[in-house]
């Protein structure tokens, strides 16, 4: 498949994943399923699906780990310029040490701390959103591989 077609497919995949999360969020009312770092996650999952940074373990655990760190800081440490920096650094360290590096997740502590999120944020949008993006990515990759096999 040529690069332009792969680019279009990646854009369609990103649109489908973010659109699905947005539609579900609007339909469910009180459930948050979107957060800004998911836009960058979509770039990796759909644009470079073979990258180690785009693998399901990295996407899901990277988001969970850094979100947890942000929540710990919000609830037990406080939010100051210094703690924003420390939480981000701890998030990077934790992802690298656990081999779950996912660069978009590095924004989670900042997002969570600046918006003062509660513990439920770990489930929605973080866990549910990451899982849905990964699932849409896997389905799209499966269809793409099936099409490629038919083409040859």
Protein backbone atom coordinates (compact mmCIF):
# COMPACT_ATOMS: atom_id res chain seq x y z
CA UNK A 1 0.00 0.00 0.00
CA UNK A 2 1.35 3.43 -0.82
CA UNK A 3 2.17 6.08 1.75
CA UNK A 4 -0.76 8.33 0.81
CA UNK A 5 -3.29 5.56 1.25
CA UNK A 6 -1.76 4.58 4.61
CA UNK A 7 -1.94 8.23 5.68
CA UNK A 8 -5.61 8.43 4.75
CA UNK A 9 -6.36 5.16 6.55
CA UNK A 10 -4.56 6.47 9.66
CA UNK A 11 -6.63 9.66 9.53
CA UNK A 12 -9.82 7.68 9.14
CA UNK A 13 -8.85 5.46 12.08
CA UNK A 14 -8.10 8.46 14.28
CA UNK A 15 -11.42 10.03 13.26
CA UNK A 16 -13.29 6.82 14.02
CA UNK A 17 -11.71 6.37 17.45
CA UNK A 18 -12.11 9.98 18.58
CA UNK A 19 -15.56 10.15 16.99
CA UNK A 20 -16.65 7.00 18.81
CA UNK A 21 -15.37 8.34 22.14
CA UNK A 22 -17.06 11.69 21.49
CA UNK A 23 -20.36 10.09 20.49
CA UNK A 24 -20.32 7.76 23.49
CA UNK A 25 -19.50 10.65 25.81
CA UNK A 26 -22.39 12.71 24.43
CA UNK A 27 -24.77 9.75 24.59
CA UNK A 28 -23.87 8.65 28.11
CA UNK A 29 -24.21 12.11 29.60
CA UNK A 30 -22.17 12.14 32.80
CA UNK A 31 -19.30 9.98 31.52
CA UNK A 32 -16.10 11.63 30.29
CA UNK A 33 -14.32 9.60 27.60
CA UNK A 34 -12.18 12.25 25.90
CA UNK A 35 -9.05 14.04 26.98
CA UNK A 36 -6.57 16.03 24.91
CA UNK A 37 -3.68 13.50 25.12
CA UNK A 38 -5.85 11.01 23.21
CA UNK A 39 -5.32 13.09 20.04
CA UNK A 40 -1.61 12.38 20.25
CA UNK A 41 -2.31 8.76 21.16
CA UNK A 42 -4.32 8.46 17.93
CA UNK A 43 -1.32 9.68 15.92
CA UNK A 44 0.80 6.83 17.27
CA UNK A 45 -1.84 4.07 17.26
CA UNK A 46 -3.06 4.79 13.73
CA UNK A 47 -0.04 6.45 12.14
CA UNK A 48 2.76 4.16 13.34
CA UNK A 49 0.99 1.06 14.67
CA UNK A 50 4.18 -1.04 14.66
CA UNK A 51 6.02 1.40 16.94
CA UNK A 52 6.75 0.07 20.43
CA UNK A 53 5.22 3.32 21.73
CA UNK A 54 1.88 2.47 20.07
CA UNK A 55 1.47 -1.03 21.47
CA UNK A 56 -1.60 -1.77 23.64
CA UNK A 57 0.47 -2.30 26.81
CA UNK A 58 2.19 1.05 26.34
CA UNK A 59 -0.96 2.95 25.46
CA UNK A 60 -3.10 1.60 28.28
CA UNK A 61 -0.53 1.27 31.06
CA UNK A 62 1.31 4.46 30.08
CA UNK A 63 -1.92 6.44 30.44
CA UNK A 64 -2.91 4.65 33.66
CA UNK A 65 0.46 5.05 35.36
CA UNK A 66 0.84 8.75 34.60
CA UNK A 67 -2.80 9.49 35.43
CA UNK A 68 -2.37 7.72 38.77
CA UNK A 69 0.70 9.85 39.51
CA UNK A 70 -1.21 13.02 38.64
CA UNK A 71 -4.07 11.99 40.92
CA UNK A 72 -1.72 11.22 43.81
CA UNK A 73 -0.26 14.71 43.47
CA UNK A 74 -3.68 16.38 43.25
CA UNK A 75 -5.00 14.60 46.34
CA UNK A 76 -1.95 14.20 48.55
CA UNK A 77 0.83 16.58 47.51
CA UNK A 78 -0.75 19.67 45.99
CA UNK A 79 -0.43 21.63 42.79
CA UNK A 80 2.40 24.12 42.41
CA UNK A 81 4.85 24.80 39.59
CA UNK A 82 7.33 22.52 41.35
CA UNK A 83 4.88 19.64 41.86
CA UNK A 84 3.71 19.88 38.24
CA UNK A 85 7.32 19.40 37.18
CA UNK A 86 7.93 16.59 39.67
CA UNK A 87 4.76 14.69 38.72
CA UNK A 88 5.65 14.90 35.04
CA UNK A 89 9.18 13.68 35.77
CA UNK A 90 7.89 10.83 37.93
CA UNK A 91 5.51 9.87 35.12
CA UNK A 92 8.32 9.73 32.58
CA UNK A 93 10.48 7.72 34.98
CA UNK A 94 7.67 5.29 35.80
CA UNK A 95 6.83 4.65 32.15
CA UNK A 96 10.47 4.11 31.20
CA UNK A 97 11.17 1.87 34.22
CA UNK A 98 8.07 -0.25 33.56
CA UNK A 99 8.69 -0.40 29.79
CA UNK A 100 5.30 1.17 29.11
CA UNK A 101 6.49 4.39 27.48
CA UNK A 102 3.74 6.23 25.64
CA UNK A 103 4.71 9.90 25.04
CA UNK A 104 1.15 11.33 24.93
CA UNK A 105 0.62 9.99 28.46
CA UNK A 106 3.34 12.35 29.66
CA UNK A 107 0.70 15.11 29.52
CA UNK A 108 -1.63 13.34 31.95
CA UNK A 109 -0.18 14.59 35.24
CA UNK A 110 -0.30 18.19 33.97
CA UNK A 111 -3.88 17.83 32.69
CA UNK A 112 -5.09 16.13 35.85
CA UNK A 113 -3.33 18.47 38.24
CA UNK A 114 -4.39 21.66 36.47
CA UNK A 115 -8.02 20.56 36.25
CA UNK A 116 -8.18 19.01 39.75
CA UNK A 117 -9.58 15.66 38.71
CA UNK A 118 -10.97 13.00 41.06
CA UNK A 119 -10.12 9.31 41.24
CA UNK A 120 -12.91 8.39 38.82
CA UNK A 121 -10.87 10.05 36.06
CA UNK A 122 -8.63 6.97 36.16
CA UNK A 123 -11.52 4.85 34.83
CA UNK A 124 -13.22 7.42 32.62
CA UNK A 125 -11.75 8.78 30.50
CA UNK A 126 -8.27 7.29 31.02
CA UNK A 127 -8.83 3.51 31.08
CA UNK A 128 -11.97 3.31 28.96
CA UNK A 129 -10.70 5.82 26.40
CA UNK A 130 -7.31 4.14 26.01
CA UNK A 131 -8.89 0.70 25.64
CA UNK A 132 -11.35 1.94 23.01
CA UNK A 133 -8.58 3.61 20.99
CA UNK A 134 -6.52 0.41 21.13
CA UNK A 135 -9.51 -1.73 20.07
CA UNK A 136 -10.37 0.53 17.13
CA UNK A 137 -6.69 0.47 16.16
CA UNK A 138 -6.57 -3.34 16.25
CA UNK A 139 -9.75 -3.69 14.19
CA UNK A 140 -8.47 -1.22 11.60
CA UNK A 141 -5.09 -2.96 11.42
CA UNK A 142 -6.82 -6.33 11.00
CA UNK A 143 -8.95 -4.97 8.13
CA UNK A 144 -5.91 -3.33 6.57
CA UNK A 145 -3.94 -6.59 6.72
CA UNK A 146 -6.87 -8.51 5.24
CA UNK A 147 -7.10 -6.01 2.38
CA UNK A 148 -3.34 -6.18 1.79
CA UNK A 149 -3.48 -10.00 1.56
CA UNK A 150 -6.33 -9.82 -0.94
CA UNK A 151 -4.36 -7.31 -2.98
CA UNK A 152 -1.35 -9.63 -3.44
